[in-house]
Amino acid sequence: MYSHNMVGSNDIEASRKFYDATFQALGGNPAIQDDKGRLIYMHNGGLFLVTKPIDGEPATAGNGCTIGFAVTGPEQADAWHKAGVENGGTAIEDPPGVREGAMKMYLAYLRDPSGNKLCALHRM
């Protein structure tokens, strides 16, 4: 059912630096940029895009929205988190680690340079 995800950005170059680093930590490639200036990331059959809003208004982060990225294990989650913090992201919530509830998971949370909430998740 998943096709793609797109987030807005007010600074495409800051977003490129952040997402190139975090996707490379997951084994992906740097963005390609289309003729409309959108950044396009393709990895494991999914598409993730970053764009300035087409209505000309400032990009804002969705309140209550989280975009999750599946990772292979805690090491990859930690590498993703580190790459994000070193490239303009902000660490949020608890530090990366195991969370237990209905299921045991390893989670790491960041906000991208535009404030979008992201999570690296490994089901244990």
N, C-alpha and C. Protein backbone atom coordinates (compact mmCIF):
# COMPACT_ATOMS: atom_id res chain seq x y z
N MET A 1 0.81 -1.19 0.00
CA MET A 1 0.00 0.00 0.00
C MET A 1 0.86 1.26 0.00
N TYR A 2 2.05 1.22 0.55
CA TYR A 2 2.92 2.38 0.59
C TYR A 2 3.46 2.69 -0.81
N SER A 3 3.38 3.94 -1.21
CA SER A 3 3.88 4.36 -2.51
C SER A 3 5.10 5.26 -2.35
N HIS A 4 4.91 6.36 -1.61
CA HIS A 4 5.98 7.33 -1.43
C HIS A 4 5.64 8.24 -0.26
N ASN A 5 6.61 9.05 0.10
CA ASN A 5 6.38 10.08 1.10
C ASN A 5 7.07 11.34 0.61
N MET A 6 6.45 12.48 0.90
CA MET A 6 7.03 13.76 0.51
C MET A 6 6.93 14.70 1.70
N VAL A 7 8.01 15.41 1.97
CA VAL A 7 8.00 16.43 3.01
C VAL A 7 8.37 17.77 2.40
N GLY A 8 7.91 18.82 3.05
CA GLY A 8 8.23 20.16 2.60
C GLY A 8 9.52 20.66 3.23
N SER A 9 10.15 21.58 2.54
CA SER A 9 11.39 22.18 3.03
C SER A 9 11.44 23.64 2.63
N ASN A 10 11.95 24.47 3.53
CA ASN A 10 12.19 25.88 3.22
C ASN A 10 13.62 26.11 2.76
N ASP A 11 14.46 25.09 2.89
CA ASP A 11 15.88 25.20 2.52
C ASP A 11 16.30 23.86 1.91
N ILE A 12 16.18 23.76 0.61
CA ILE A 12 16.46 22.50 -0.09
C ILE A 12 17.91 22.05 0.12
N GLU A 13 18.85 22.96 0.13
CA GLU A 13 20.26 22.55 0.30
C GLU A 13 20.52 22.01 1.70
N ALA A 14 19.92 22.61 2.74
CA ALA A 14 20.06 22.06 4.10
C ALA A 14 19.41 20.68 4.16
N SER A 15 18.27 20.53 3.50
CA SER A 15 17.60 19.23 3.46
C SER A 15 18.44 18.21 2.72
N ARG A 16 19.06 18.61 1.60
CA ARG A 16 19.92 17.69 0.84
C ARG A 16 21.06 17.19 1.72
N LYS A 17 21.71 18.08 2.44
CA LYS A 17 22.83 17.68 3.30
C LYS A 17 22.36 16.67 4.34
N PHE A 18 21.24 16.95 4.99
CA PHE A 18 20.69 16.07 6.02
C PHE A 18 20.27 14.72 5.44
N TYR A 19 19.42 14.74 4.42
CA TYR A 19 18.89 13.47 3.88
C TYR A 19 19.93 12.67 3.12
N ASP A 20 20.85 13.31 2.40
CA ASP A 20 21.93 12.54 1.77
C ASP A 20 22.68 11.74 2.84
N ALA A 21 23.01 12.39 3.95
CA ALA A 21 23.77 11.72 5.02
C ALA A 21 22.95 10.61 5.67
N THR A 22 21.69 10.89 6.00
CA THR A 22 20.91 9.87 6.71
C THR A 22 20.55 8.70 5.80
N PHE A 23 20.25 8.95 4.53
CA PHE A 23 19.96 7.83 3.63
C PHE A 23 21.22 7.03 3.32
N GLN A 24 22.37 7.68 3.23
CA GLN A 24 23.60 6.93 3.02
C GLN A 24 23.90 6.04 4.21
N ALA A 25 23.54 6.49 5.44
CA ALA A 25 23.72 5.65 6.63
C ALA A 25 22.85 4.40 6.57
N LEU A 26 21.78 4.46 5.78
CA LEU A 26 20.89 3.30 5.61
C LEU A 26 21.23 2.48 4.37
N GLY A 27 22.30 2.86 3.67
CA GLY A 27 22.71 2.14 2.47
C GLY A 27 22.14 2.70 1.18
N GLY A 28 21.50 3.86 1.26
CA GLY A 28 20.92 4.49 0.07
C GLY A 28 21.91 5.41 -0.64
N ASN A 29 21.41 6.06 -1.67
CA ASN A 29 22.22 6.96 -2.49
C ASN A 29 21.83 8.42 -2.25
N PRO A 30 22.71 9.35 -2.63
CA PRO A 30 22.34 10.76 -2.56
C PRO A 30 21.14 11.04 -3.46
N ALA A 31 20.51 12.17 -3.23
CA ALA A 31 19.32 12.55 -4.00
C ALA A 31 19.64 12.81 -5.46
N ILE A 32 18.63 12.57 -6.28
CA ILE A 32 18.63 13.14 -7.62
C ILE A 32 17.65 14.32 -7.53
N GLN A 33 17.86 15.31 -8.35
CA GLN A 33 16.99 16.50 -8.30
C GLN A 33 16.28 16.63 -9.64
N ASP A 34 14.95 16.78 -9.58
CA ASP A 34 14.20 16.90 -10.83
C ASP A 34 14.16 18.34 -11.30
N ASP A 35 13.53 18.58 -12.44
CA ASP A 35 13.51 19.92 -13.02
C ASP A 35 12.67 20.92 -12.21
N LYS A 36 11.91 20.44 -11.24
CA LYS A 36 11.16 21.33 -10.36
C LYS A 36 11.91 21.61 -9.06
N GLY A 37 13.12 21.08 -8.94
CA GLY A 37 13.94 21.32 -7.76
C GLY A 37 13.71 20.35 -6.62
N ARG A 38 12.85 19.35 -6.82
CA ARG A 38 12.56 18.38 -5.77
C ARG A 38 13.71 17.39 -5.64
N LEU A 39 14.00 17.01 -4.40
CA LEU A 39 14.98 15.96 -4.13
C LEU A 39 14.24 14.63 -4.13
N ILE A 40 14.81 13.64 -4.80
CA ILE A 40 14.18 12.33 -4.89
C ILE A 40 15.18 11.27 -4.41
N TYR A 41 14.75 10.50 -3.42
CA TYR A 41 15.54 9.39 -2.89
C TYR A 41 14.80 8.11 -3.20
N MET A 42 15.52 7.13 -3.76
CA MET A 42 14.95 5.83 -4.08
C MET A 42 15.77 4.77 -3.36
N HIS A 43 15.08 3.93 -2.57
CA HIS A 43 15.79 2.90 -1.83
C HIS A 43 14.82 1.78 -1.45
N ASN A 44 15.23 0.56 -1.68
CA ASN A 44 14.44 -0.63 -1.32
C ASN A 44 13.00 -0.55 -1.81
N GLY A 45 12.80 -0.02 -3.00
CA GLY A 45 11.48 0.04 -3.60
C GLY A 45 10.62 1.22 -3.17
N GLY A 46 11.12 2.03 -2.26
CA GLY A 46 10.35 3.19 -1.81
C GLY A 46 10.90 4.49 -2.37
N LEU A 47 10.04 5.49 -2.40
CA LEU A 47 10.44 6.83 -2.82
C LEU A 47 10.21 7.79 -1.66
N PHE A 48 11.17 8.68 -1.46
CA PHE A 48 11.06 9.74 -0.47
C PHE A 48 11.46 11.02 -1.18
N LEU A 49 10.59 12.03 -1.12
CA LEU A 49 10.82 13.28 -1.84
C LEU A 49 10.82 14.46 -0.88
N VAL A 50 11.58 15.47 -1.22
CA VAL A 50 11.65 16.71 -0.46
C VAL A 50 11.40 17.85 -1.45
N THR A 51 10.51 18.76 -1.09
CA THR A 51 10.15 19.84 -2.01
C THR A 51 9.80 21.12 -1.27
N LYS A 52 9.96 22.23 -1.96
CA LYS A 52 9.35 23.47 -1.48
C LYS A 52 7.86 23.34 -1.78
N PRO A 53 6.98 23.81 -0.87
CA PRO A 53 5.54 23.69 -1.13
C PRO A 53 5.14 24.38 -2.44
N ILE A 54 4.28 23.70 -3.20
CA ILE A 54 3.89 24.24 -4.51
C ILE A 54 2.95 25.44 -4.39
N ASP A 55 2.36 25.65 -3.20
CA ASP A 55 1.47 26.80 -3.03
C ASP A 55 2.21 28.09 -2.69
N GLY A 56 3.55 28.00 -2.58
CA GLY A 56 4.35 29.19 -2.29
C GLY A 56 4.40 29.57 -0.82
N GLU A 57 3.63 28.90 0.01
CA GLU A 57 3.64 29.16 1.45
C GLU A 57 4.83 28.46 2.09
N PRO A 58 5.23 28.88 3.30
CA PRO A 58 6.34 28.20 3.98
C PRO A 58 5.99 26.75 4.31
N ALA A 59 6.99 25.90 4.27
CA ALA A 59 6.83 24.50 4.68
C ALA A 59 6.72 24.46 6.19
N THR A 60 5.84 23.61 6.69
CA THR A 60 5.72 23.38 8.13
C THR A 60 5.67 21.88 8.36
N ALA A 61 6.14 21.47 9.54
CA ALA A 61 6.09 20.05 9.90
C ALA A 61 4.68 19.68 10.31
N GLY A 62 4.25 18.48 9.97
CA GLY A 62 2.92 18.01 10.33
C GLY A 62 2.85 17.71 11.82
N ASN A 63 1.91 18.33 12.51
CA ASN A 63 1.72 18.09 13.93
C ASN A 63 1.12 16.71 14.13
N GLY A 64 1.82 15.85 14.85
CA GLY A 64 1.35 14.50 15.08
C GLY A 64 1.84 13.50 14.05
N CYS A 65 2.57 13.95 13.05
CA CYS A 65 3.09 13.06 12.00
C CYS A 65 4.49 12.58 12.34
N THR A 66 4.76 11.32 12.08
CA THR A 66 6.09 10.76 12.18
C THR A 66 6.31 9.89 10.96
N ILE A 67 7.47 10.04 10.34
CA ILE A 67 7.85 9.21 9.20
C ILE A 67 8.86 8.20 9.71
N GLY A 68 8.56 6.92 9.54
CA GLY A 68 9.42 5.86 10.04
C GLY A 68 10.22 5.19 8.94
N PHE A 69 11.47 4.92 9.24
CA PHE A 69 12.36 4.21 8.32
C PHE A 69 12.77 2.90 8.97
N ALA A 70 12.56 1.79 8.26
CA ALA A 70 12.97 0.48 8.76
C ALA A 70 14.48 0.36 8.65
N VAL A 71 15.10 -0.11 9.72
CA VAL A 71 16.55 -0.32 9.72
C VAL A 71 16.84 -1.77 10.08
N THR A 72 18.06 -2.21 9.78
CA THR A 72 18.44 -3.62 9.95
C THR A 72 18.78 -3.97 11.39
N GLY A 73 19.05 -2.99 12.22
CA GLY A 73 19.40 -3.27 13.61
C GLY A 73 19.80 -2.01 14.34
N PRO A 74 20.12 -2.12 15.63
CA PRO A 74 20.52 -0.96 16.41
C PRO A 74 21.71 -0.20 15.84
N GLU A 75 22.67 -0.92 15.27
CA GLU A 75 23.85 -0.25 14.72
C GLU A 75 23.47 0.69 13.58
N GLN A 76 22.59 0.23 12.71
CA GLN A 76 22.17 1.08 11.59
C GLN A 76 21.33 2.25 12.09
N ALA A 77 20.48 2.02 13.08
CA ALA A 77 19.70 3.12 13.67
C ALA A 77 20.63 4.16 14.27
N ASP A 78 21.66 3.72 14.98
CA ASP A 78 22.60 4.65 15.59
C ASP A 78 23.38 5.43 14.53
N ALA A 79 23.78 4.76 13.44
CA ALA A 79 24.50 5.44 12.36
C ALA A 79 23.60 6.48 11.70
N TRP A 80 22.34 6.15 11.48
CA TRP A 80 21.35 7.09 10.91
C TRP A 80 21.20 8.30 11.82
N HIS A 81 21.04 8.05 13.10
CA HIS A 81 20.85 9.13 14.08
C HIS A 81 22.08 10.04 14.11
N LYS A 82 23.25 9.45 14.17
CA LYS A 82 24.50 10.21 14.21
C LYS A 82 24.66 11.06 12.95
N ALA A 83 24.40 10.46 11.79
CA ALA A 83 24.51 11.20 10.52
C ALA A 83 23.53 12.36 10.50
N GLY A 84 22.34 12.16 11.02
CA GLY A 84 21.35 13.23 11.05
C GLY A 84 21.76 14.38 11.94
N VAL A 85 22.22 14.09 13.14
CA VAL A 85 22.64 15.14 14.08
C VAL A 85 23.84 15.90 13.51
N GLU A 86 24.76 15.20 12.87
CA GLU A 86 25.95 15.85 12.30
C GLU A 86 25.66 16.66 11.04
N ASN A 87 24.45 16.52 10.49
CA ASN A 87 24.14 17.18 9.23
C ASN A 87 22.87 18.03 9.31
N GLY A 88 22.66 18.67 10.45
CA GLY A 88 21.60 19.65 10.58
C GLY A 88 20.32 19.18 11.24
N GLY A 89 20.26 17.91 11.64
CA GLY A 89 19.07 17.42 12.34
C GLY A 89 19.17 17.66 13.83
N THR A 90 18.06 17.43 14.52
CA THR A 90 17.99 17.62 15.96
C THR A 90 17.52 16.32 16.61
N ALA A 91 18.27 15.85 17.59
CA ALA A 91 17.86 14.67 18.35
C ALA A 91 16.65 15.05 19.20
N ILE A 92 15.64 14.19 19.20
CA ILE A 92 14.44 14.44 19.99
C ILE A 92 14.04 13.19 20.75
N GLU A 93 13.11 13.35 21.68
CA GLU A 93 12.59 12.27 22.50
C GLU A 93 13.73 11.64 23.30
N ASP A 94 13.58 10.39 23.69
CA ASP A 94 14.63 9.70 24.43
C ASP A 94 15.80 9.40 23.51
N PRO A 95 17.00 9.18 24.06
CA PRO A 95 18.12 8.77 23.21
C PRO A 95 17.79 7.46 22.49
N PRO A 96 18.47 7.17 21.38
CA PRO A 96 18.22 5.90 20.69
C PRO A 96 18.34 4.73 21.67
N GLY A 97 17.42 3.78 21.54
CA GLY A 97 17.48 2.62 22.43
C GLY A 97 16.25 1.74 22.31
N VAL A 98 16.23 0.72 23.16
CA VAL A 98 15.15 -0.27 23.17
C VAL A 98 13.93 0.32 23.88
N ARG A 99 12.76 0.09 23.29
CA ARG A 99 11.48 0.45 23.91
C ARG A 99 10.67 -0.84 23.95
N GLU A 100 10.04 -1.06 25.07
CA GLU A 100 9.23 -2.26 25.21
C GLU A 100 7.80 -1.88 25.53
N GLY A 101 6.90 -2.53 24.88
CA GLY A 101 5.47 -2.37 25.08
C GLY A 101 4.82 -3.61 24.53
N ALA A 102 3.91 -3.43 23.60
CA ALA A 102 3.31 -4.59 22.93
C ALA A 102 4.35 -5.36 22.14
N MET A 103 5.42 -4.67 21.75
CA MET A 103 6.49 -5.31 21.00
C MET A 103 7.80 -4.63 21.39
N LYS A 104 8.89 -5.36 21.31
CA LYS A 104 10.22 -4.83 21.64
C LYS A 104 10.83 -4.23 20.38
N MET A 105 11.20 -2.95 20.45
CA MET A 105 11.74 -2.24 19.29
C MET A 105 12.95 -1.41 19.69
N TYR A 106 13.82 -1.18 18.75
CA TYR A 106 14.92 -0.22 18.91
C TYR A 106 14.53 1.00 18.10
N LEU A 107 14.48 2.17 18.74
CA LEU A 107 14.02 3.39 18.09
C LEU A 107 15.04 4.51 18.24
N ALA A 108 15.10 5.36 17.21
CA ALA A 108 15.91 6.58 17.24
C ALA A 108 15.09 7.67 16.55
N TYR A 109 14.99 8.84 17.17
CA TYR A 109 14.17 9.92 16.65
C TYR A 109 14.99 11.16 16.33
N LEU A 110 14.62 11.82 15.24
CA LEU A 110 15.22 13.09 14.81
C LEU A 110 14.15 14.01 14.26
N ARG A 111 14.47 15.29 14.23
CA ARG A 111 13.74 16.25 13.41
C ARG A 111 14.71 16.69 12.32
N ASP A 112 14.22 16.75 11.08
CA ASP A 112 15.05 17.22 9.98
C ASP A 112 15.19 18.74 10.07
N PRO A 113 15.99 19.38 9.20
CA PRO A 113 16.17 20.83 9.29
C PRO A 113 14.88 21.64 9.15
N SER A 114 13.82 21.06 8.59
CA SER A 114 12.54 21.76 8.46
C SER A 114 11.57 21.40 9.58
N GLY A 115 11.98 20.57 10.51
CA GLY A 115 11.14 20.22 11.65
C GLY A 115 10.33 18.95 11.50
N ASN A 116 10.46 18.24 10.38
CA ASN A 116 9.72 16.99 10.20
C ASN A 116 10.24 15.93 11.16
N LYS A 117 9.34 15.20 11.81
CA LYS A 117 9.70 14.18 12.78
C LYS A 117 9.94 12.85 12.07
N LEU A 118 11.11 12.27 12.33
CA LEU A 118 11.54 11.03 11.71
C LEU A 118 11.91 10.01 12.76
N CYS A 119 11.77 8.74 12.42
CA CYS A 119 12.12 7.66 13.34
C CYS A 119 12.80 6.53 12.57
N ALA A 120 13.90 6.04 13.11
CA ALA A 120 14.51 4.79 12.62
C ALA A 120 14.02 3.70 13.55
N LEU A 121 13.49 2.62 13.00
CA LEU A 121 12.86 1.57 13.79
C LEU A 121 13.38 0.20 13.40
N HIS A 122 13.74 -0.59 14.42
CA HIS A 122 14.10 -1.99 14.22
C HIS A 122 13.25 -2.82 15.17
N ARG A 123 12.43 -3.71 14.63
CA ARG A 123 11.64 -4.63 15.47
C ARG A 123 12.54 -5.77 15.90
N MET A 124 12.61 -5.99 17.18
CA MET A 124 13.52 -6.99 17.74
C MET A 124 12.82 -8.32 17.94
